[in-house]
Structures are given as structure tokens and as C-alpha cells.
Protein backbone atom coordinates (compact mmCIF):
# COMPACT_ATOMS: atom_id res chain seq x y z
CA MET A 1 -110.52 -57.84 -25.69
CA HIS A 2 -107.18 -59.26 -24.85
CA PRO A 3 -107.25 -61.93 -22.30
CA HIS A 4 -105.63 -60.97 -18.97
CA LEU A 5 -102.01 -62.07 -18.54
CA PRO A 6 -101.03 -63.87 -15.45
CA VAL A 7 -99.64 -61.66 -12.72
CA GLN A 8 -96.19 -63.31 -12.83
CA SER A 9 -95.86 -62.83 -16.59
CA HIS A 10 -96.77 -59.19 -16.25
CA ARG A 11 -94.07 -58.60 -13.64
CA SER A 12 -91.39 -60.28 -15.79
CA GLU A 13 -92.22 -58.04 -18.70
CA LYS A 14 -91.86 -54.95 -16.53
CA ARG A 15 -88.46 -56.12 -15.35
CA VAL A 16 -87.22 -56.59 -18.92
CA GLN A 17 -88.44 -53.13 -19.87
CA MET A 18 -86.72 -51.61 -16.85
CA LYS A 19 -83.40 -53.30 -17.77
CA PHE A 20 -83.55 -51.86 -21.29
CA SER A 21 -84.38 -48.41 -19.89
CA VAL A 22 -81.44 -48.49 -17.46
CA ARG A 23 -79.08 -49.75 -20.15
CA ALA A 24 -80.17 -46.99 -22.53
CA ALA A 25 -79.70 -44.34 -19.86
CA GLY A 26 -76.20 -45.71 -19.16
CA PHE A 27 -75.25 -45.43 -22.81
CA ALA A 28 -76.49 -41.82 -22.86
CA VAL A 29 -74.43 -40.87 -19.78
CA ALA A 30 -71.33 -42.53 -21.19
CA ALA A 31 -71.70 -40.65 -24.44
CA PHE A 32 -72.01 -37.34 -22.56
CA VAL A 33 -68.92 -38.04 -20.51
CA LEU A 34 -66.90 -38.88 -23.60
CA ALA A 35 -68.04 -35.68 -25.29
CA VAL A 36 -67.02 -33.53 -22.31
CA SER A 37 -63.67 -35.30 -22.03
CA ALA A 38 -62.94 -34.69 -25.67
CA ALA A 39 -63.82 -30.99 -25.34
CA TRP A 40 -61.47 -30.45 -22.36
CA SER A 41 -58.60 -32.73 -23.34
CA GLY A 42 -58.11 -31.18 -26.77
CA PRO A 43 -56.80 -27.74 -25.69
CA LEU A 44 -54.64 -29.22 -22.92
CA GLN A 45 -52.96 -31.57 -25.31
CA ALA A 46 -52.41 -28.71 -27.71
CA VAL A 47 -50.60 -26.72 -25.02
CA GLU A 48 -48.61 -29.55 -23.52
CA GLY A 49 -47.55 -30.96 -26.85
CA SER A 50 -48.66 -33.59 -29.22
CA ALA A 51 -46.61 -36.36 -27.64
CA ALA A 52 -48.61 -38.99 -25.87
CA PRO A 53 -48.17 -39.06 -22.10
CA VAL A 54 -45.78 -41.70 -20.85
CA ALA A 55 -47.35 -44.22 -18.55
CA THR A 56 -45.93 -44.32 -15.04
CA TYR A 57 -45.64 -47.66 -13.36
CA TYR A 58 -45.12 -48.72 -9.81
CA THR A 59 -41.55 -49.76 -10.55
CA ASP A 60 -40.78 -46.23 -11.78
CA HIS A 61 -42.01 -44.70 -8.54
CA ASP A 62 -40.02 -47.23 -6.61
CA GLY A 63 -36.83 -46.19 -8.39
CA ALA A 64 -37.55 -42.51 -7.83
CA ALA A 65 -38.03 -43.10 -4.14
CA THR A 66 -34.67 -44.86 -4.01
CA GLU A 67 -32.93 -41.89 -5.65
CA VAL A 68 -34.45 -39.46 -3.15
CA ALA A 69 -33.38 -41.66 -0.27
CA GLU A 70 -29.78 -41.67 -1.52
CA PHE A 71 -29.63 -37.87 -1.79
CA SER A 72 -27.58 -36.29 0.99
CA LEU A 73 -28.88 -33.15 2.63
CA ASN A 74 -25.31 -32.08 3.42
CA ALA A 75 -24.04 -32.47 -0.08
CA ALA A 76 -23.47 -29.28 -2.02
CA PRO A 77 -25.56 -28.97 -5.15
CA ALA A 78 -23.66 -29.79 -8.28
CA GLU A 79 -22.60 -26.65 -10.09
CA THR A 80 -23.13 -26.38 -13.76
CA PRO A 81 -19.71 -25.75 -15.32
CA ALA A 82 -19.48 -22.37 -16.93
CA PRO A 83 -18.98 -22.45 -20.67
CA ALA A 84 -15.37 -21.90 -21.65
CA ALA A 85 -14.68 -18.40 -22.89
CA PRO A 86 -13.64 -18.27 -26.50
CA ALA A 87 -9.92 -17.77 -27.01
CA VAL A 88 -9.18 -14.15 -27.82
CA GLY A 89 -5.81 -12.93 -29.03
CA PRO A 90 -4.00 -9.87 -27.61
CA THR A 91 -5.74 -6.61 -28.32
CA ILE A 92 -4.43 -3.11 -28.80
CA GLU A 93 -5.49 -2.27 -25.24
CA ASP A 94 -3.47 -5.23 -23.93
CA ALA A 95 -0.42 -4.00 -25.81
CA ARG A 96 -0.84 -0.51 -24.33
CA VAL A 97 -1.13 -1.88 -20.79
CA GLN A 98 1.99 -4.00 -21.26
CA SER A 99 3.90 -1.02 -22.65
CA LEU A 100 2.87 1.16 -19.70
CA GLY A 101 3.93 -1.58 -17.28
CA LEU A 102 7.37 -1.82 -18.86
CA MET A 103 7.71 1.95 -18.71
CA ALA A 104 6.76 2.00 -15.01
CA ASP A 105 9.33 -0.72 -14.24
CA HIS A 106 11.97 1.32 -16.04
CA LEU A 107 11.14 4.45 -14.05
CA VAL A 108 11.28 2.51 -10.76
CA ALA A 109 14.69 1.15 -11.71
CA LEU A 110 15.94 4.65 -12.48
CA ALA A 111 14.61 5.94 -9.15
CA ASP A 112 16.33 3.10 -7.28
CA ALA A 113 19.60 3.90 -9.02
CA THR A 114 19.46 7.56 -8.02
CA LEU A 115 18.53 6.98 -4.35
CA PRO A 116 21.44 7.20 -1.89
CA ARG A 117 22.72 3.82 -0.77
CA PRO A 118 22.69 2.97 2.94
CA ARG A 119 26.18 3.92 4.05
CA SER A 120 28.34 1.65 6.15
CA LEU A 121 29.70 2.71 9.51
CA GLY A 122 33.14 3.26 7.97
CA GLU A 123 31.64 5.59 5.33
CA LEU A 124 29.75 7.50 8.02
CA VAL A 125 32.91 7.93 10.07
CA GLU A 126 34.75 9.28 7.02
CA ASN A 127 31.86 11.66 6.35
CA TYR A 128 31.82 13.08 9.92
CA ALA A 129 35.54 12.93 10.63
CA GLY A 130 37.21 16.32 11.12
CA LEU A 131 34.13 18.00 12.60
CA ALA A 132 34.43 19.86 15.86
CA PRO A 133 32.05 18.96 18.71
CA GLN A 134 28.90 21.03 18.29
CA ASN A 135 28.33 21.47 22.05
CA GLY A 136 29.61 20.44 25.48
CA GLU A 137 27.46 17.31 25.57
CA GLU A 138 28.94 15.99 22.35
CA ASP A 139 32.42 16.89 23.61
CA CYS A 140 31.85 14.74 26.74
CA LEU A 141 30.61 11.86 24.59
CA ALA A 142 33.60 12.10 22.23
CA SER A 143 35.90 12.14 25.27
CA ALA A 144 34.35 8.93 26.60
CA VAL A 145 34.88 7.28 23.20
CA TYR A 146 38.44 8.59 22.97
CA PHE A 147 39.60 7.48 26.42
CA GLU A 148 37.61 4.28 26.72
CA ALA A 149 37.82 2.81 23.22
CA ARG A 150 40.18 4.68 20.86
CA GLY A 151 42.16 1.46 20.32
CA GLU A 152 39.00 -0.53 19.55
CA PRO A 153 37.38 -1.08 16.13
CA ILE A 154 34.90 1.59 15.17
CA GLU A 155 32.03 -0.82 16.00
CA GLY A 156 33.35 -1.10 19.56
CA GLN A 157 33.75 2.69 19.81
CA LEU A 158 30.14 3.21 18.70
CA ALA A 159 28.98 0.62 21.24
CA VAL A 160 30.69 2.57 24.09
CA ALA A 161 29.00 5.79 22.95
CA GLU A 162 25.63 3.99 22.89
CA VAL A 163 26.08 2.75 26.47
CA VAL A 164 26.51 6.37 27.59
CA LEU A 165 23.41 7.47 25.68
CA ASN A 166 21.40 4.48 26.93
CA ARG A 167 22.17 5.47 30.50
CA THR A 168 20.84 9.00 29.98
CA GLN A 169 17.48 7.52 28.88
CA SER A 170 17.27 4.65 31.36
CA GLY A 171 15.95 6.52 34.41
CA ARG A 172 18.64 4.81 36.52
CA TYR A 173 21.43 7.26 35.75
CA PRO A 174 21.74 11.04 35.26
CA THR A 175 19.90 12.47 32.29
CA THR A 176 22.78 14.36 30.63
CA ILE A 177 25.83 12.95 28.87
CA CYS A 178 28.39 14.88 30.88
CA GLU A 179 26.78 13.85 34.20
CA VAL A 180 26.81 10.19 33.15
CA VAL A 181 30.46 10.35 32.06
CA THR A 182 31.66 12.15 35.19
CA GLN A 183 29.57 10.14 37.65
CA PRO A 184 31.91 8.76 40.38
CA TRP A 185 33.20 5.21 40.02
CA GLN A 186 31.83 4.69 36.53
CA PHE A 187 34.61 5.49 34.03
CA SER A 188 38.20 4.93 35.06
CA PHE A 189 39.65 7.79 32.98
CA VAL A 190 37.70 10.39 35.00
CA ARG A 191 39.71 11.92 37.84
CA ARG A 192 37.71 13.48 40.69
CA GLY A 193 34.88 14.35 38.35
CA ASN A 194 37.16 15.87 35.71
CA ILE A 195 37.75 14.70 32.16
CA PRO A 196 41.41 14.85 31.11
CA ALA A 197 42.44 16.73 27.97
CA ALA A 198 42.53 14.72 24.76
CA ASP A 199 44.91 15.21 21.84
CA ARG A 200 42.47 17.11 19.68
CA ASN A 201 44.81 17.15 16.72
CA SER A 202 45.01 13.38 16.53
CA GLU A 203 43.20 11.09 14.14
CA CYS A 204 41.78 9.26 17.16
CA TRP A 205 40.06 12.42 18.38
CA ARG A 206 38.60 13.21 14.97
CA ARG A 207 37.27 9.67 14.78
CA ALA A 208 35.87 9.91 18.32
CA VAL A 209 33.96 13.08 17.41
CA ALA A 210 32.58 11.37 14.30
CA ILE A 211 31.47 8.36 16.39
CA ALA A 212 29.78 10.67 18.91
CA ARG A 213 27.87 12.42 16.11
CA ILE A 214 26.77 9.12 14.58
CA ALA A 215 25.57 7.83 17.96
CA GLU A 216 23.58 10.98 18.72
CA THR A 217 21.89 11.08 15.31
CA GLY A 218 21.21 7.34 15.27
CA ALA A 219 22.69 7.04 11.77
CA SER A 220 24.00 3.61 12.74
CA ARG A 221 23.43 1.44 15.78
CA MET A 222 25.17 -1.51 17.43
CA LEU A 223 23.39 -2.27 20.73
CA PRO A 224 19.85 -2.51 22.13
CA ARG A 225 18.76 0.37 24.32
CA ASN A 226 18.77 -1.73 27.49
CA VAL A 227 22.54 -2.32 27.35
CA LEU A 228 23.94 -0.17 30.17
CA TRP A 229 27.23 -1.78 31.19
CA TYR A 230 30.49 -3.11 29.74
CA HIS A 231 33.97 -4.05 30.85
CA ALA A 232 37.21 -5.24 29.26
CA ASP A 233 37.58 -8.96 28.78
CA TYR A 234 40.81 -9.07 30.80
CA VAL A 235 38.96 -8.22 34.02
CA SER A 236 36.11 -10.04 35.75
CA PRO A 237 34.07 -7.73 37.99
CA SER A 238 31.59 -9.35 40.33
CA TRP A 239 28.67 -7.30 39.00
CA GLY A 240 29.10 -8.90 35.57
CA ARG A 241 27.86 -12.23 36.95
CA ARG A 242 24.55 -10.66 37.96
CA LEU A 243 23.80 -9.25 34.50
CA ALA A 244 22.76 -10.68 31.15
CA ARG A 245 25.60 -10.75 28.66
CA ASN A 246 24.60 -9.19 25.36
CA THR A 247 27.63 -9.28 23.07
CA LYS A 248 31.39 -8.88 22.81
CA ILE A 249 32.95 -6.35 20.44
CA GLY A 250 36.70 -6.13 20.38
CA LEU A 251 37.99 -6.29 23.95
CA HIS A 252 34.71 -5.16 25.54
CA ILE A 253 31.87 -7.33 26.85
CA PHE A 254 28.47 -5.63 26.99
CA TYR A 255 25.61 -6.39 29.41
CA SER A 256 21.98 -5.56 29.90
């Protein structure tokens, strides 16, 4: 029989055994954890690449935070420049387009050359000169031009004809040419509502008829449509001071 150990020695032995048991269990758990880690980390590393992960330090995070802080919310994102297109020489299609463009320019130039040029007032007068008045209204207008402005340049003659026509459309005077011309106290050549006879074989009459036709057709124009009055520059009627002067052509001053 073994002699009985003291109680204190028995307790110390149990403590030593317990320490070895705990240490052995710890080694077993550690080995299991390492095995599991190896099983899971292998496939992930295979997918992510064989390069070892780069360690991240506190200083790296500090720099990243600084970069974020300096980023402006209002700044436009930087655009990636588009790659330059490779240089390509002229193609057959380019040559065709250029040829068609040159042809179109040539056709436009030909069309411009064949279009009638805008004729001057002198050319228009020559074109219409020698025509007879086509109706009584045009005869009254030609008479006004003949008696009021036959000694004036053709621009001044056309301006007188336009004053007569402007009055017919103003709403302040009669609506027909003959009524405007024969209205009392308007044109000094009119006698008691009658227009005197003009020399219808003269060059002045033929020109007056041409001016009347040009004014009626609007082939050329000298004055705005609100010009309703005129007088010779050697007189100074009181009504002229109440009106707005428009222009002076020859000896006549025109008002609106």
C-alpha cells in the first residue's frame, strides 16, 4: 500500500495536471483554426491574385483622408481625353463630294448671271417712257408730277407722286388719286377743281407718265409712307414748322 500523500501535495499535483490539460486543449484549438484558415484563404488568394496583400498603415489612411477633404464637390469630374483619331488621307468619296460642291457653286454662279439685275430709277423711266396713262387715276397722278415737278430730278418727281399715293392711304385725305389732286387748296396748279391740259407730246409728259407708273407699281421708292406734305424751299409756310422734316430732294422739302 502506498502511504497517503499530504493533502497539500495532492492539490498541487492536480493543479499541474490541469495546466497541462488546458495547454494541450489550446494547442488543439489553434491547430484547428490554422487548418480552417488555410482551407478558406487558398481559393480567395487564387482568385484575387498571387501577389501578397499590401499592408495599410495609419499614415496611409491619414493621407487618403486629406485627399478626400481637398476634393471639391463643385468641381467637374476630369474627362478622359479621347484617343486621337488616326490620320486618314482623302478618299474617293471625299473627292466626289468636293467635285459636287464645285459643280453646285458653278451652277449658282450661272444662275446669278442670268437673273435680271435690279434696275435703277433712270432705267425704269426709260422702260416706261412713251406709255399712255392706263386709266383716269394714272392720268391724274401723271398730271400732278408734270405740273408740280417736271423741272425736278426724276427722284424728286417720284417723291411728289408718292406723296399723292400716301395721302390716298392715310385715312386723312380722299381715297382716290384724282380726289386728292383736285382737293381745294392743296395743289396750286389746280384751278377750281380742274386740272389744266398738259403738253402730251412733250418729253416731260412721257416722263411724268413713266414716273406715275413706277410709283403705282412700287418698282422704286423714295419716301416713307407717312410723308404727306412738301413745299418748295423758296417758301416758308407756317404749317411746315409744326411737322417733322423728312428729306429734301431738289427744290422740295418733304414732311411727315
